[in-house]
Amino acid sequence: MAIKPAYIKKLATALLERYEEAFSTDFEHNKEVVAELTNVESKGVRNRIAGYITRKQRAPAA
């Protein structure tokens, strides 16, 4: 598994802090939410952000 770039982590973390209730553990749902909340035009970048958010949501709370 590859390491995510810093800009993906920063944007995903900012989205989670601001809109935590909008995201779930479902990747497809998160992909749509990221598309609505950001102006990211690249499908690949959008999917990476949504995937990172999904992994964060699925992780057990520390």
C-alpha atoms as a PDB file:
ATOM      1  CA  MET A   1       0.000   0.000   0.000  1.00  0.00           C
ATOM      2  CA  ALA A   2       1.405   3.353  -1.036  1.00  0.00           C
ATOM      3  CA  ILE A   3       1.898   6.338   1.230  1.00  0.00           C
ATOM      4  CA  LYS A   4      -0.579   9.135   0.524  1.00  0.00           C
ATOM      5  CA  PRO A   5       0.842  12.537  -0.487  1.00  0.00           C
ATOM      6  CA  ALA A   6       0.723  15.307   2.115  1.00  0.00           C
ATOM      7  CA  TYR A   7      -1.784  17.388   0.123  1.00  0.00           C
ATOM      8  CA  ILE A   8      -4.258  14.466   0.138  1.00  0.00           C
ATOM      9  CA  LYS A   9      -3.905  14.039   3.904  1.00  0.00           C
ATOM     10  CA  LYS A  10      -4.187  17.777   4.603  1.00  0.00           C
ATOM     11  CA  LEU A  11      -7.294  18.238   2.480  1.00  0.00           C
ATOM     12  CA  ALA A  12      -8.952  15.087   3.828  1.00  0.00           C
ATOM     13  CA  THR A  13      -8.193  16.080   7.418  1.00  0.00           C
ATOM     14  CA  ALA A  14      -9.589  19.571   6.847  1.00  0.00           C
ATOM     15  CA  LEU A  15     -12.765  18.122   5.320  1.00  0.00           C
ATOM     16  CA  LEU A  16     -13.176  15.685   8.221  1.00  0.00           C
ATOM     17  CA  GLU A  17     -12.729  18.453  10.788  1.00  0.00           C
ATOM     18  CA  ARG A  18     -15.230  20.721   9.079  1.00  0.00           C
ATOM     19  CA  TYR A  19     -17.823  18.228   7.758  1.00  0.00           C
ATOM     20  CA  GLU A  20     -17.353  15.082   9.868  1.00  0.00           C
ATOM     21  CA  GLU A  21     -21.084  14.279   9.945  1.00  0.00           C
ATOM     22  CA  ALA A  22     -21.234  14.244   6.126  1.00  0.00           C
ATOM     23  CA  PHE A  23     -18.865  11.271   5.767  1.00  0.00           C
ATOM     24  CA  SER A  24     -19.425   7.577   6.438  1.00  0.00           C
ATOM     25  CA  THR A  25     -17.529   4.302   6.084  1.00  0.00           C
ATOM     26  CA  ASP A  26     -18.855   3.870   2.519  1.00  0.00           C
ATOM     27  CA  PHE A  27     -16.345   4.842  -0.176  1.00  0.00           C
ATOM     28  CA  GLU A  28     -18.968   5.544  -2.872  1.00  0.00           C
ATOM     29  CA  HIS A  29     -20.855   7.911  -0.565  1.00  0.00           C
ATOM     30  CA  ASN A  30     -17.648   9.679   0.471  1.00  0.00           C
ATOM     31  CA  LYS A  31     -16.633  10.048  -3.176  1.00  0.00           C
ATOM     32  CA  GLU A  32     -19.864  11.929  -3.915  1.00  0.00           C
ATOM     33  CA  VAL A  33     -19.496  14.119  -0.819  1.00  0.00           C
ATOM     34  CA  VAL A  34     -15.908  15.054  -1.735  1.00  0.00           C
ATOM     35  CA  ALA A  35     -17.097  15.985  -5.234  1.00  0.00           C
ATOM     36  CA  GLU A  36     -19.793  18.250  -3.740  1.00  0.00           C
ATOM     37  CA  LEU A  37     -17.591  19.921  -1.121  1.00  0.00           C
ATOM     38  CA  THR A  38     -14.478  20.546  -3.224  1.00  0.00           C
ATOM     39  CA  ASN A  39     -13.583  21.802  -6.664  1.00  0.00           C
ATOM     40  CA  VAL A  40     -11.217  18.905  -7.403  1.00  0.00           C
ATOM     41  CA  GLU A  41     -11.559  18.131 -11.106  1.00  0.00           C
ATOM     42  CA  SER A  42      -9.277  15.096 -11.213  1.00  0.00           C
ATOM     43  CA  LYS A  43     -11.130  11.838 -10.668  1.00  0.00           C
ATOM     44  CA  GLY A  44      -7.981  10.186  -9.335  1.00  0.00           C
ATOM     45  CA  VAL A  45      -7.331  12.871  -6.729  1.00  0.00           C
ATOM     46  CA  ARG A  46     -10.994  12.856  -5.679  1.00  0.00           C
ATOM     47  CA  ASN A  47     -10.879   9.086  -5.230  1.00  0.00           C
ATOM     48  CA  ARG A  48      -7.662   9.253  -3.206  1.00  0.00           C
ATOM     49  CA  ILE A  49      -9.176  11.851  -0.880  1.00  0.00           C
ATOM     50  CA  ALA A  50     -12.368   9.807  -0.498  1.00  0.00           C
ATOM     51  CA  GLY A  51     -10.353   6.640   0.125  1.00  0.00           C
ATOM     52  CA  TYR A  52      -8.245   8.302   2.804  1.00  0.00           C
ATOM     53  CA  ILE A  53     -11.382   9.649   4.506  1.00  0.00           C
ATOM     54  CA  THR A  54     -12.991   6.202   4.344  1.00  0.00           C
ATOM     55  CA  ARG A  55      -9.960   4.593   6.005  1.00  0.00           C
ATOM     56  CA  LYS A  56     -10.008   7.242   8.736  1.00  0.00           C
ATOM     57  CA  GLN A  57     -13.719   6.674   9.362  1.00  0.00           C
ATOM     58  CA  ARG A  58     -13.289   2.885   9.542  1.00  0.00           C
ATOM     59  CA  ALA A  59     -10.328   3.061  11.931  1.00  0.00           C
ATOM     60  CA  PRO A  60     -11.181   2.415  15.581  1.00  0.00           C
ATOM     61  CA  ALA A  61     -11.251   5.544  17.704  1.00  0.00           C
ATOM     62  CA  ALA A  62      -8.036   5.950  19.631  1.00  0.00           C
END
